[in-house]
Amino acid sequence: MPASLSWQRSAEARGAMPDLSAPDEQLIRSFRAGNEEAFDRLFLRYQDYVYNICLGILSNPDDARDAAQEAFLRVHRNLERFNGRSALTTWIYRIAVNECLGRVRKRRPQPPVPLEDPQAARLRDPGPQPGDGLARAAQDQVVRQIVAGLKPDYRAALVLRYFQEMSYEEMRAVLRWSLPQVKVKLHRARKAFARAYAEAAEAEQPPQEETLR
């Protein structure tokens, strides 16, 4: 493997590259034939999605960039062995999620972050529909702070369902959970999120003045 991947170079330095509209299968074949620029196209195609997954799970932009870069390094190293049993996107997202969860599990637990945005109140009871609560506020830093305090599996479930709007089947494929596991963990994750929000919101309330008798 080269010390510096071609997708890390500037776009100007890359020169002619495979057609951006080429299907994944064609780019994989081209890469396996020795064309590193085919990997550039795959990277450009999926970099934003992978970064957003990493940011949702890790919360910190710098950590998310590092995790996304490491995920693509793993994709590069293992693309020769990709067997096509799942979609390429599923495989790439699984690598990204696993990279992030590994980093989360190595961290020490972080204390809850106080809420500062009253707009986050709409997330007190996020419903099961992907258009509710979390999906409407996927980019809200307050939401990310709360999610960052949850268990790793709960983070992954919420990020894939509400930030990335994956179906249960897509989540099952990426996380390699059974469909009942997906539903149970997502339900528990929603409850944990609502509980964490309520606790943080309560902590932000000013103390009540004692009533004179």
N, C-alpha and C. Protein backbone atom coordinates (compact mmCIF):
# COMPACT_ATOMS: atom_id res chain seq x y z
N MET A 1 0.84 -1.19 0.00
CA MET A 1 0.00 0.00 0.00
C MET A 1 0.87 1.23 0.00
N PRO A 2 0.61 2.22 -0.85
CA PRO A 2 1.44 3.41 -0.90
C PRO A 2 1.36 4.20 0.39
N ALA A 3 2.43 4.94 0.69
CA ALA A 3 2.45 5.71 1.93
C ALA A 3 1.38 6.78 1.95
N SER A 4 1.07 7.33 0.79
CA SER A 4 0.05 8.37 0.71
C SER A 4 -0.96 7.98 -0.36
N LEU A 5 -2.22 7.81 0.02
CA LEU A 5 -3.24 7.42 -0.94
C LEU A 5 -3.51 8.55 -1.91
N SER A 6 -3.88 8.18 -3.15
CA SER A 6 -4.10 9.20 -4.16
C SER A 6 -5.25 10.11 -3.81
N TRP A 7 -6.27 9.61 -3.08
CA TRP A 7 -7.40 10.45 -2.76
C TRP A 7 -7.07 11.52 -1.75
N GLN A 8 -5.86 11.46 -1.16
CA GLN A 8 -5.44 12.49 -0.23
C GLN A 8 -4.77 13.66 -0.95
N ARG A 9 -4.53 13.53 -2.23
CA ARG A 9 -3.93 14.62 -2.99
C ARG A 9 -5.00 15.61 -3.38
N SER A 10 -4.57 16.79 -3.82
CA SER A 10 -5.53 17.79 -4.26
C SER A 10 -6.17 17.33 -5.56
N ALA A 11 -7.37 17.85 -5.84
CA ALA A 11 -8.08 17.47 -7.05
C ALA A 11 -7.28 17.84 -8.28
N GLU A 12 -6.58 18.97 -8.22
CA GLU A 12 -5.81 19.41 -9.39
C GLU A 12 -4.67 18.45 -9.71
N ALA A 13 -4.11 17.84 -8.66
CA ALA A 13 -2.97 16.95 -8.87
C ALA A 13 -3.39 15.61 -9.42
N ARG A 14 -4.67 15.30 -9.34
CA ARG A 14 -5.11 13.98 -9.77
C ARG A 14 -5.16 13.84 -11.28
N GLY A 15 -5.45 14.93 -11.96
CA GLY A 15 -5.56 14.85 -13.41
C GLY A 15 -6.81 14.12 -13.83
N ALA A 16 -6.77 13.45 -14.97
CA ALA A 16 -7.94 12.74 -15.49
C ALA A 16 -8.31 11.60 -14.55
N MET A 17 -9.60 11.46 -14.29
CA MET A 17 -10.09 10.44 -13.39
C MET A 17 -11.23 9.70 -14.04
N PRO A 18 -11.58 8.51 -13.56
CA PRO A 18 -12.70 7.76 -14.13
C PRO A 18 -13.99 8.57 -14.05
N ASP A 19 -14.91 8.28 -14.92
CA ASP A 19 -16.19 8.97 -14.99
C ASP A 19 -16.87 8.93 -13.63
N LEU A 20 -17.28 10.12 -13.13
CA LEU A 20 -17.91 10.20 -11.83
C LEU A 20 -19.22 9.42 -11.79
N SER A 21 -19.86 9.27 -12.93
CA SER A 21 -21.14 8.56 -12.98
C SER A 21 -20.98 7.05 -13.12
N ALA A 22 -19.75 6.58 -13.23
CA ALA A 22 -19.52 5.14 -13.37
C ALA A 22 -20.06 4.40 -12.17
N PRO A 23 -20.70 3.25 -12.37
CA PRO A 23 -21.23 2.49 -11.22
C PRO A 23 -20.11 1.97 -10.33
N ASP A 24 -20.46 1.68 -9.09
CA ASP A 24 -19.47 1.20 -8.13
C ASP A 24 -18.73 -0.03 -8.65
N GLU A 25 -19.46 -0.96 -9.24
CA GLU A 25 -18.84 -2.20 -9.70
C GLU A 25 -17.75 -1.93 -10.72
N GLN A 26 -17.98 -0.97 -11.61
CA GLN A 26 -16.98 -0.63 -12.62
C GLN A 26 -15.75 -0.01 -11.98
N LEU A 27 -15.95 0.85 -10.99
CA LEU A 27 -14.82 1.47 -10.30
C LEU A 27 -14.04 0.44 -9.50
N ILE A 28 -14.73 -0.52 -8.91
CA ILE A 28 -14.02 -1.57 -8.17
C ILE A 28 -13.15 -2.39 -9.12
N ARG A 29 -13.70 -2.76 -10.28
CA ARG A 29 -12.92 -3.51 -11.25
C ARG A 29 -11.71 -2.72 -11.72
N SER A 30 -11.91 -1.42 -11.95
CA SER A 30 -10.80 -0.58 -12.39
C SER A 30 -9.73 -0.47 -11.32
N PHE A 31 -10.14 -0.33 -10.08
CA PHE A 31 -9.18 -0.26 -8.98
C PHE A 31 -8.40 -1.57 -8.86
N ARG A 32 -9.09 -2.69 -8.98
CA ARG A 32 -8.42 -3.98 -8.87
C ARG A 32 -7.46 -4.22 -10.03
N ALA A 33 -7.70 -3.51 -11.13
CA ALA A 33 -6.79 -3.61 -12.28
C ALA A 33 -5.59 -2.69 -12.13
N GLY A 34 -5.53 -1.96 -11.03
CA GLY A 34 -4.37 -1.13 -10.77
C GLY A 34 -4.60 0.36 -10.90
N ASN A 35 -5.83 0.79 -11.14
CA ASN A 35 -6.12 2.21 -11.32
C ASN A 35 -6.50 2.83 -9.98
N GLU A 36 -5.54 3.51 -9.34
CA GLU A 36 -5.80 4.13 -8.05
C GLU A 36 -6.84 5.24 -8.16
N GLU A 37 -6.93 5.85 -9.33
CA GLU A 37 -7.88 6.96 -9.48
C GLU A 37 -9.33 6.49 -9.38
N ALA A 38 -9.55 5.22 -9.63
CA ALA A 38 -10.90 4.68 -9.44
C ALA A 38 -11.30 4.76 -7.98
N PHE A 39 -10.33 4.57 -7.09
CA PHE A 39 -10.63 4.70 -5.67
C PHE A 39 -10.92 6.14 -5.31
N ASP A 40 -10.25 7.08 -5.99
CA ASP A 40 -10.54 8.50 -5.76
C ASP A 40 -12.02 8.78 -5.97
N ARG A 41 -12.59 8.18 -7.00
CA ARG A 41 -14.00 8.41 -7.30
C ARG A 41 -14.90 7.84 -6.22
N LEU A 42 -14.55 6.66 -5.74
CA LEU A 42 -15.34 6.08 -4.65
C LEU A 42 -15.25 6.95 -3.40
N PHE A 43 -14.06 7.44 -3.13
CA PHE A 43 -13.88 8.31 -1.97
C PHE A 43 -14.72 9.57 -2.11
N LEU A 44 -14.63 10.23 -3.26
CA LEU A 44 -15.40 11.46 -3.47
C LEU A 44 -16.90 11.20 -3.40
N ARG A 45 -17.31 10.04 -3.83
CA ARG A 45 -18.74 9.70 -3.85
C ARG A 45 -19.30 9.52 -2.45
N TYR A 46 -18.50 8.96 -1.53
CA TYR A 46 -19.03 8.57 -0.23
C TYR A 46 -18.40 9.30 0.96
N GLN A 47 -17.50 10.23 0.71
CA GLN A 47 -16.80 10.86 1.83
C GLN A 47 -17.74 11.65 2.74
N ASP A 48 -18.69 12.38 2.17
CA ASP A 48 -19.58 13.18 3.00
C ASP A 48 -20.47 12.31 3.88
N TYR A 49 -20.98 11.24 3.31
CA TYR A 49 -21.86 10.35 4.06
C TYR A 49 -21.09 9.70 5.20
N VAL A 50 -19.88 9.23 4.91
CA VAL A 50 -19.07 8.59 5.95
C VAL A 50 -18.72 9.60 7.04
N TYR A 51 -18.34 10.80 6.64
CA TYR A 51 -18.01 11.82 7.64
C TYR A 51 -19.21 12.11 8.54
N ASN A 52 -20.40 12.23 7.96
CA ASN A 52 -21.58 12.52 8.75
C ASN A 52 -21.91 11.41 9.74
N ILE A 53 -21.70 10.16 9.33
CA ILE A 53 -21.88 9.05 10.26
C ILE A 53 -20.89 9.18 11.42
N CYS A 54 -19.63 9.44 11.08
CA CYS A 54 -18.60 9.56 12.12
C CYS A 54 -18.88 10.74 13.05
N LEU A 55 -19.33 11.86 12.49
CA LEU A 55 -19.64 13.02 13.32
C LEU A 55 -20.81 12.73 14.24
N GLY A 56 -21.82 12.02 13.73
CA GLY A 56 -22.96 11.70 14.57
C GLY A 56 -22.59 10.84 15.76
N ILE A 57 -21.70 9.88 15.55
CA ILE A 57 -21.32 8.96 16.62
C ILE A 57 -20.29 9.58 17.57
N LEU A 58 -19.33 10.32 17.01
CA LEU A 58 -18.23 10.84 17.81
C LEU A 58 -18.45 12.26 18.31
N SER A 59 -19.32 13.01 17.65
CA SER A 59 -19.69 14.37 18.03
C SER A 59 -18.62 15.42 17.70
N ASN A 60 -17.38 15.10 17.86
CA ASN A 60 -16.29 16.04 17.64
C ASN A 60 -15.85 16.03 16.17
N PRO A 61 -15.82 17.19 15.49
CA PRO A 61 -15.46 17.21 14.06
C PRO A 61 -14.06 16.68 13.77
N ASP A 62 -13.08 17.02 14.62
CA ASP A 62 -11.72 16.53 14.39
C ASP A 62 -11.66 15.01 14.52
N ASP A 63 -12.31 14.47 15.55
CA ASP A 63 -12.34 13.02 15.72
C ASP A 63 -13.06 12.36 14.54
N ALA A 64 -14.13 13.02 14.06
CA ALA A 64 -14.89 12.47 12.93
C ALA A 64 -14.03 12.43 11.68
N ARG A 65 -13.25 13.47 11.43
CA ARG A 65 -12.37 13.47 10.25
C ARG A 65 -11.33 12.36 10.35
N ASP A 66 -10.74 12.21 11.54
CA ASP A 66 -9.74 11.16 11.74
C ASP A 66 -10.36 9.78 11.51
N ALA A 67 -11.55 9.57 12.07
CA ALA A 67 -12.21 8.27 11.93
C ALA A 67 -12.59 8.01 10.48
N ALA A 68 -13.08 9.03 9.78
CA ALA A 68 -13.44 8.86 8.37
C ALA A 68 -12.22 8.51 7.54
N GLN A 69 -11.10 9.18 7.81
CA GLN A 69 -9.87 8.89 7.07
C GLN A 69 -9.42 7.45 7.33
N GLU A 70 -9.47 7.03 8.59
CA GLU A 70 -9.07 5.66 8.92
C GLU A 70 -10.01 4.65 8.28
N ALA A 71 -11.30 4.99 8.24
CA ALA A 71 -12.27 4.09 7.60
C ALA A 71 -11.94 3.90 6.12
N PHE A 72 -11.60 4.99 5.43
CA PHE A 72 -11.28 4.86 4.01
C PHE A 72 -9.94 4.16 3.80
N LEU A 73 -9.02 4.31 4.72
CA LEU A 73 -7.78 3.54 4.63
C LEU A 73 -8.07 2.04 4.71
N ARG A 74 -9.01 1.68 5.58
CA ARG A 74 -9.40 0.26 5.70
C ARG A 74 -10.11 -0.21 4.44
N VAL A 75 -10.96 0.66 3.90
CA VAL A 75 -11.63 0.31 2.65
C VAL A 75 -10.59 0.07 1.56
N HIS A 76 -9.60 0.94 1.48
CA HIS A 76 -8.55 0.81 0.47
C HIS A 76 -7.78 -0.50 0.63
N ARG A 77 -7.46 -0.81 1.87
CA ARG A 77 -6.68 -2.03 2.13
C ARG A 77 -7.46 -3.30 1.81
N ASN A 78 -8.77 -3.25 1.97
CA ASN A 78 -9.57 -4.47 1.88
C ASN A 78 -10.46 -4.56 0.65
N LEU A 79 -10.40 -3.56 -0.23
CA LEU A 79 -11.30 -3.57 -1.37
C LEU A 79 -11.03 -4.75 -2.31
N GLU A 80 -9.81 -5.23 -2.33
CA GLU A 80 -9.50 -6.41 -3.15
C GLU A 80 -10.30 -7.62 -2.69
N ARG A 81 -10.61 -7.66 -1.39
CA ARG A 81 -11.31 -8.82 -0.84
C ARG A 81 -12.81 -8.60 -0.70
N PHE A 82 -13.31 -7.45 -1.13
CA PHE A 82 -14.75 -7.20 -1.07
C PHE A 82 -15.45 -8.21 -1.97
N ASN A 83 -16.41 -8.96 -1.40
CA ASN A 83 -17.00 -10.08 -2.15
C ASN A 83 -18.33 -9.76 -2.81
N GLY A 84 -18.86 -8.57 -2.56
CA GLY A 84 -20.10 -8.18 -3.22
C GLY A 84 -21.35 -8.82 -2.65
N ARG A 85 -21.25 -9.51 -1.52
CA ARG A 85 -22.45 -10.12 -0.93
C ARG A 85 -23.41 -9.07 -0.39
N SER A 86 -22.88 -7.92 -0.04
CA SER A 86 -23.71 -6.79 0.35
C SER A 86 -23.38 -5.63 -0.58
N ALA A 87 -24.17 -4.59 -0.54
CA ALA A 87 -23.88 -3.41 -1.34
C ALA A 87 -22.58 -2.78 -0.86
N LEU A 88 -21.86 -2.14 -1.76
CA LEU A 88 -20.61 -1.48 -1.38
C LEU A 88 -20.87 -0.45 -0.30
N THR A 89 -21.97 0.29 -0.42
CA THR A 89 -22.28 1.30 0.60
C THR A 89 -22.44 0.67 1.97
N THR A 90 -23.14 -0.45 2.03
CA THR A 90 -23.33 -1.14 3.31
C THR A 90 -21.99 -1.51 3.91
N TRP A 91 -21.11 -2.04 3.09
CA TRP A 91 -19.78 -2.46 3.55
C TRP A 91 -18.97 -1.27 4.04
N ILE A 92 -18.98 -0.16 3.29
CA ILE A 92 -18.22 1.03 3.68
C ILE A 92 -18.78 1.61 4.98
N TYR A 93 -20.10 1.71 5.08
CA TYR A 93 -20.70 2.29 6.28
C TYR A 93 -20.45 1.41 7.49
N ARG A 94 -20.44 0.09 7.28
CA ARG A 94 -20.14 -0.82 8.39
C ARG A 94 -18.73 -0.58 8.91
N ILE A 95 -17.78 -0.41 8.00
CA ILE A 95 -16.40 -0.13 8.41
C ILE A 95 -16.33 1.18 9.19
N ALA A 96 -17.04 2.20 8.71
CA ALA A 96 -17.03 3.49 9.39
C ALA A 96 -17.65 3.39 10.79
N VAL A 97 -18.78 2.72 10.90
CA VAL A 97 -19.44 2.57 12.20
C VAL A 97 -18.54 1.81 13.16
N ASN A 98 -17.95 0.72 12.71
CA ASN A 98 -17.08 -0.07 13.58
C ASN A 98 -15.86 0.73 14.03
N GLU A 99 -15.31 1.53 13.13
CA GLU A 99 -14.18 2.39 13.49
C GLU A 99 -14.59 3.36 14.59
N CYS A 100 -15.75 3.96 14.45
CA CYS A 100 -16.22 4.93 15.44
C CYS A 100 -16.54 4.27 16.77
N LEU A 101 -17.23 3.13 16.72
CA LEU A 101 -17.58 2.45 17.97
C LEU A 101 -16.34 1.99 18.72
N GLY A 102 -15.32 1.57 17.98
CA GLY A 102 -14.07 1.20 18.62
C GLY A 102 -13.44 2.36 19.35
N ARG A 103 -13.52 3.54 18.74
CA ARG A 103 -12.97 4.73 19.39
C ARG A 103 -13.79 5.13 20.61
N VAL A 104 -15.10 5.03 20.50
CA VAL A 104 -15.97 5.39 21.63
C VAL A 104 -15.68 4.49 22.82
N ARG A 105 -15.53 3.20 22.58
CA ARG A 105 -15.35 2.25 23.68
C ARG A 105 -14.00 2.41 24.37
N LYS A 106 -13.06 3.06 23.71
CA LYS A 106 -11.75 3.30 24.33
C LYS A 106 -11.74 4.57 25.17
N ARG A 107 -12.76 5.40 25.00
CA ARG A 107 -12.81 6.65 25.74
C ARG A 107 -13.32 6.43 27.16
N ARG A 108 -12.96 7.37 28.04
CA ARG A 108 -13.58 7.41 29.35
C ARG A 108 -14.94 8.09 29.21
N PRO A 109 -15.91 7.67 30.03
CA PRO A 109 -17.23 8.32 29.96
C PRO A 109 -17.12 9.81 30.18
N GLN A 110 -17.88 10.58 29.40
CA GLN A 110 -17.89 12.03 29.52
C GLN A 110 -19.11 12.47 30.31
N PRO A 111 -18.97 13.55 31.13
CA PRO A 111 -20.13 14.05 31.86
C PRO A 111 -21.14 14.66 30.91
N PRO A 112 -22.42 14.71 31.30
CA PRO A 112 -23.44 15.31 30.43
C PRO A 112 -23.11 16.76 30.12
N VAL A 113 -23.42 17.20 28.92
CA VAL A 113 -23.19 18.58 28.51
C VAL A 113 -24.48 19.36 28.72
N PRO A 114 -24.44 20.52 29.43
CA PRO A 114 -25.67 21.28 29.65
C PRO A 114 -26.31 21.72 28.35
N LEU A 115 -27.62 21.79 28.33
CA LEU A 115 -28.34 22.25 27.16
C LEU A 115 -28.27 23.77 27.09
N GLU A 116 -28.16 24.30 25.89
CA GLU A 116 -28.11 25.74 25.71
C GLU A 116 -29.14 26.21 24.69
N ASP A 117 -29.71 25.31 23.92
CA ASP A 117 -30.61 25.69 22.84
C ASP A 117 -32.03 25.26 23.15
N PRO A 118 -32.95 26.22 23.39
CA PRO A 118 -34.33 25.84 23.71
C PRO A 118 -35.02 25.10 22.59
N GLN A 119 -34.51 25.22 21.36
CA GLN A 119 -35.13 24.51 20.24
C GLN A 119 -35.03 23.00 20.42
N ALA A 120 -34.09 22.57 21.23
CA ALA A 120 -33.95 21.12 21.44
C ALA A 120 -35.09 20.54 22.24
N ALA A 121 -35.98 21.41 22.77
CA ALA A 121 -37.11 20.92 23.55
C ALA A 121 -38.00 20.00 22.74
N ARG A 122 -38.01 20.16 21.44
CA ARG A 122 -38.86 19.31 20.61
C ARG A 122 -38.38 17.88 20.58
N LEU A 123 -37.20 17.61 21.15
CA LEU A 123 -36.65 16.26 21.15
C LEU A 123 -36.89 15.54 22.46
N ARG A 124 -37.72 16.11 23.34
CA ARG A 124 -37.95 15.45 24.62
C ARG A 124 -38.51 14.06 24.45
N ASP A 125 -39.33 13.87 23.45
CA ASP A 125 -39.94 12.57 23.23
C ASP A 125 -39.89 12.25 21.74
N PRO A 126 -38.70 11.94 21.20
CA PRO A 126 -38.61 11.66 19.77
C PRO A 126 -39.42 10.43 19.41
N GLY A 127 -40.33 10.55 18.48
CA GLY A 127 -41.19 9.44 18.10
C GLY A 127 -40.49 8.47 17.18
N PRO A 128 -41.17 7.39 16.85
CA PRO A 128 -40.54 6.35 16.03
C PRO A 128 -40.44 6.69 14.56
N GLN A 129 -41.08 7.79 14.12
CA GLN A 129 -41.05 8.10 12.70
C GLN A 129 -39.76 8.83 12.33
N PRO A 130 -39.13 8.46 11.22
CA PRO A 130 -37.85 9.06 10.85
C PRO A 130 -37.95 10.55 10.57
N GLY A 131 -39.14 11.09 10.33
CA GLY A 131 -39.25 12.52 10.07
C GLY A 131 -39.40 13.35 11.32
N ASP A 132 -39.52 12.71 12.48
CA ASP A 132 -39.73 13.42 13.72
C ASP A 132 -38.41 13.74 14.41
N GLY A 133 -38.51 14.63 15.42
CA GLY A 133 -37.45 14.86 16.38
C GLY A 133 -36.05 14.90 15.85
N LEU A 134 -35.34 13.78 16.01
CA LEU A 134 -33.93 13.74 15.69
C LEU A 134 -33.64 14.05 14.23
N ALA A 135 -34.48 13.55 13.32
CA ALA A 135 -34.21 13.79 11.90
C ALA A 135 -34.29 15.27 11.58
N ARG A 136 -35.22 16.01 12.20
CA ARG A 136 -35.35 17.43 11.92
C ARG A 136 -34.20 18.23 12.50
N ALA A 137 -33.50 17.67 13.48
CA ALA A 137 -32.43 18.41 14.14
C ALA A 137 -31.11 17.66 14.06
N ALA A 138 -30.90 16.94 12.96
CA ALA A 138 -29.71 16.10 12.83
C ALA A 138 -28.43 16.90 12.95
N GLN A 139 -28.45 18.16 12.53
CA GLN A 139 -27.25 18.98 12.57
C GLN A 139 -27.18 19.83 13.83
N ASP A 140 -28.12 19.68 14.71
CA ASP A 140 -28.17 20.50 15.92
C ASP A 140 -27.10 20.04 16.89
N GLN A 141 -26.24 20.94 17.30
CA GLN A 141 -25.14 20.57 18.18
C GLN A 141 -25.65 20.06 19.52
N VAL A 142 -26.77 20.60 19.97
CA VAL A 142 -27.32 20.13 21.25
C VAL A 142 -27.67 18.66 21.17
N VAL A 143 -28.27 18.26 20.06
CA VAL A 143 -28.63 16.86 19.88
C VAL A 143 -27.37 16.00 19.88
N ARG A 144 -26.36 16.46 19.17
CA ARG A 144 -25.11 15.68 19.10
C ARG A 144 -24.50 15.53 20.49
N GLN A 145 -24.60 16.57 21.30
CA GLN A 145 -24.04 16.49 22.65
C GLN A 145 -24.76 15.44 23.48
N ILE A 146 -26.07 15.40 23.34
CA ILE A 146 -26.83 14.40 24.11
C ILE A 146 -26.52 12.99 23.59
N VAL A 147 -26.52 12.82 22.28
CA VAL A 147 -26.22 11.51 21.70
C VAL A 147 -24.83 11.05 22.12
N ALA A 148 -23.89 11.99 22.22
CA ALA A 148 -22.51 11.64 22.58
C ALA A 148 -22.41 11.05 23.98
N GLY A 149 -23.42 11.26 24.81
CA GLY A 149 -23.39 10.71 26.16
C GLY A 149 -24.04 9.35 26.29
N LEU A 150 -24.57 8.82 25.19
CA LEU A 150 -25.26 7.53 25.23
C LEU A 150 -24.29 6.37 25.01
N LYS A 151 -24.79 5.16 25.25
CA LYS A 151 -23.99 3.96 25.00
C LYS A 151 -23.65 3.87 23.51
N PRO A 152 -22.52 3.24 23.18
CA PRO A 152 -22.11 3.16 21.77
C PRO A 152 -23.17 2.60 20.83
N ASP A 153 -23.82 1.50 21.22
CA ASP A 153 -24.84 0.90 20.35
C ASP A 153 -26.02 1.84 20.15
N TYR A 154 -26.36 2.58 21.20
CA TYR A 154 -27.48 3.52 21.09
C TYR A 154 -27.12 4.67 20.15
N ARG A 155 -25.88 5.12 20.25
CA ARG A 155 -25.43 6.18 19.33
C ARG A 155 -25.57 5.72 17.89
N ALA A 156 -25.07 4.53 17.63
CA ALA A 156 -25.10 4.01 16.25
C ALA A 156 -26.53 3.90 15.75
N ALA A 157 -27.41 3.39 16.59
CA ALA A 157 -28.81 3.21 16.17
C ALA A 157 -29.47 4.54 15.85
N LEU A 158 -29.28 5.54 16.71
CA LEU A 158 -29.90 6.84 16.48
C LEU A 158 -29.31 7.54 15.26
N VAL A 159 -28.00 7.47 15.12
CA VAL A 159 -27.35 8.15 14.00
C VAL A 159 -27.80 7.57 12.67
N LEU A 160 -27.81 6.25 12.56
CA LEU A 160 -28.18 5.64 11.29
C LEU A 160 -29.66 5.85 10.98
N ARG A 161 -30.49 5.79 12.01
CA ARG A 161 -31.94 5.91 11.76
C ARG A 161 -32.37 7.36 11.53
N TYR A 162 -31.91 8.27 12.38
CA TYR A 162 -32.43 9.63 12.36
C TYR A 162 -31.51 10.62 11.66
N PHE A 163 -30.20 10.46 11.80
CA PHE A 163 -29.31 11.37 11.10
C PHE A 163 -29.19 10.99 9.63
N GLN A 164 -29.06 9.67 9.36
CA GLN A 164 -28.85 9.20 7.99
C GLN A 164 -30.12 8.63 7.36
N GLU A 165 -31.19 8.54 8.14
CA GLU A 165 -32.50 8.12 7.64
C GLU A 165 -32.48 6.74 6.97
N MET A 166 -31.74 5.82 7.59
CA MET A 166 -31.71 4.45 7.07
C MET A 166 -32.97 3.70 7.47
N SER A 167 -33.37 2.75 6.65
CA SER A 167 -34.46 1.86 6.99
C SER A 167 -33.97 0.82 8.01
N TYR A 168 -34.92 0.10 8.60
CA TYR A 168 -34.53 -0.97 9.52
C TYR A 168 -33.66 -2.01 8.81
N GLU A 169 -34.01 -2.33 7.57
CA GLU A 169 -33.24 -3.32 6.83
C GLU A 169 -31.82 -2.84 6.56
N GLU A 170 -31.67 -1.57 6.22
CA GLU A 170 -30.33 -1.02 5.99
C GLU A 170 -29.53 -1.02 7.28
N MET A 171 -30.16 -0.67 8.38
CA MET A 171 -29.48 -0.71 9.67
C MET A 171 -29.05 -2.13 10.01
N ARG A 172 -29.93 -3.08 9.76
CA ARG A 172 -29.61 -4.49 10.04
C ARG A 172 -28.38 -4.92 9.28
N ALA A 173 -28.29 -4.51 8.01
CA ALA A 173 -27.15 -4.91 7.18
C ALA A 173 -25.86 -4.24 7.64
N VAL A 174 -25.94 -2.95 7.98
CA VAL A 174 -24.73 -2.22 8.38
C VAL A 174 -24.24 -2.70 9.74
N LEU A 175 -25.15 -2.83 10.69
CA LEU A 175 -24.77 -3.16 12.06
C LEU A 175 -24.62 -4.65 12.31
N ARG A 176 -25.14 -5.46 11.37
CA ARG A 176 -25.13 -6.91 11.52
C ARG A 176 -25.88 -7.34 12.78
N TRP A 177 -26.98 -6.65 13.03
CA TRP A 177 -27.91 -7.06 14.07
C TRP A 177 -29.08 -7.75 13.40
N SER A 178 -29.81 -8.55 14.17
CA SER A 178 -31.07 -9.08 13.65
C SER A 178 -32.09 -7.95 13.60
N LEU A 179 -33.15 -8.15 12.83
CA LEU A 179 -34.19 -7.12 12.76
C LEU A 179 -34.82 -6.85 14.12
N PRO A 180 -35.13 -7.89 14.92
CA PRO A 180 -35.63 -7.60 16.27
C PRO A 180 -34.64 -6.82 17.11
N GLN A 181 -33.34 -7.11 16.98
CA GLN A 181 -32.34 -6.35 17.73
C GLN A 181 -32.35 -4.89 17.33
N VAL A 182 -32.46 -4.62 16.04
CA VAL A 182 -32.50 -3.24 15.56
C VAL A 182 -33.66 -2.50 16.22
N LYS A 183 -34.84 -3.11 16.22
CA LYS A 183 -36.03 -2.45 16.76
C LYS A 183 -35.93 -2.26 18.27
N VAL A 184 -35.42 -3.28 18.96
CA VAL A 184 -35.31 -3.18 20.41
C VAL A 184 -34.28 -2.13 20.81
N LYS A 185 -33.11 -2.15 20.17
CA LYS A 185 -32.06 -1.21 20.54
C LYS A 185 -32.45 0.22 20.16
N LEU A 186 -33.14 0.38 19.05
CA LEU A 186 -33.58 1.71 18.67
C LEU A 186 -34.61 2.24 19.67
N HIS A 187 -35.51 1.38 20.09
CA HIS A 187 -36.51 1.78 21.10
C HIS A 187 -35.81 2.20 22.39
N ARG A 188 -34.84 1.40 22.83
CA ARG A 188 -34.12 1.73 24.06
C ARG A 188 -33.29 3.00 23.89
N ALA A 189 -32.73 3.18 22.70
CA ALA A 189 -31.93 4.39 22.44
C ALA A 189 -32.80 5.64 22.50
N ARG A 190 -34.02 5.55 21.94
CA ARG A 190 -34.91 6.70 22.01
C ARG A 190 -35.27 7.04 23.45
N LYS A 191 -35.55 6.01 24.24
CA LYS A 191 -35.88 6.23 25.64
C LYS A 191 -34.69 6.83 26.40
N ALA A 192 -33.48 6.33 26.11
CA ALA A 192 -32.29 6.86 26.77
C ALA A 192 -32.06 8.32 26.38
N PHE A 193 -32.30 8.63 25.11
CA PHE A 193 -32.16 10.02 24.66
C PHE A 193 -33.15 10.92 25.39
N ALA A 194 -34.41 10.50 25.44
CA ALA A 194 -35.44 11.31 26.09
C ALA A 194 -35.12 11.51 27.57
N ARG A 195 -34.64 10.45 28.22
CA ARG A 195 -34.30 10.55 29.64
C ARG A 195 -33.12 11.50 29.85
N ALA A 196 -32.10 11.40 28.99
CA ALA A 196 -30.93 12.28 29.11
C ALA A 196 -31.31 13.73 28.86
N TYR A 197 -32.20 13.92 27.91
CA TYR A 197 -32.65 15.29 27.64
C TYR A 197 -33.38 15.86 28.85
N ALA A 198 -34.29 15.08 29.41
CA ALA A 198 -35.07 15.56 30.55
C ALA A 198 -34.17 15.89 31.73
N GLU A 199 -33.17 15.05 31.98
CA GLU A 199 -32.25 15.29 33.09
C GLU A 199 -31.43 16.55 32.85
N ALA A 200 -30.95 16.72 31.62
CA ALA A 200 -30.15 17.91 31.32
C ALA A 200 -31.00 19.17 31.37
N ALA A 201 -32.23 19.07 30.88
CA ALA A 201 -33.11 20.23 30.91
C ALA A 201 -33.45 20.62 32.34
N GLU A 202 -33.66 19.61 33.20
CA GLU A 202 -33.97 19.89 34.60
C GLU A 202 -32.79 20.56 35.29
N ALA A 203 -31.58 20.12 34.93
CA ALA A 203 -30.39 20.70 35.54
C ALA A 203 -30.20 22.16 35.15
N GLU A 204 -30.78 22.56 34.02
CA GLU A 204 -30.65 23.93 33.55
C GLU A 204 -31.66 24.87 34.19
N GLN A 205 -32.67 24.33 34.86
CA GLN A 205 -33.71 25.17 35.45
C GLN A 205 -33.14 25.94 36.65
N PRO A 206 -33.44 27.26 36.75
CA PRO A 206 -32.96 28.02 37.90
C PRO A 206 -33.64 27.55 39.18
N PRO A 207 -32.97 27.65 40.32
CA PRO A 207 -33.56 27.20 41.58
C PRO A 207 -34.81 28.02 41.91
N GLN A 208 -35.81 27.38 42.50
CA GLN A 208 -37.03 28.05 42.90
C GLN A 208 -36.78 28.88 44.15
N GLU A 209 -37.33 30.11 44.16
CA GLU A 209 -37.22 30.93 45.36
C GLU A 209 -38.18 30.42 46.42
N GLU A 210 -37.71 30.45 47.63
CA GLU A 210 -38.55 29.98 48.74
C GLU A 210 -39.72 30.95 48.92
N THR A 211 -40.90 30.40 49.05
CA THR A 211 -42.10 31.23 49.23
C THR A 211 -42.24 31.64 50.70
N LEU A 212 -42.40 32.94 50.92
CA LEU A 212 -42.58 33.44 52.28
C LEU A 212 -43.95 33.08 52.82
N ARG A 213 -44.02 32.70 54.03
CA ARG A 213 -45.29 32.36 54.66
C ARG A 213 -45.72 33.47 55.60
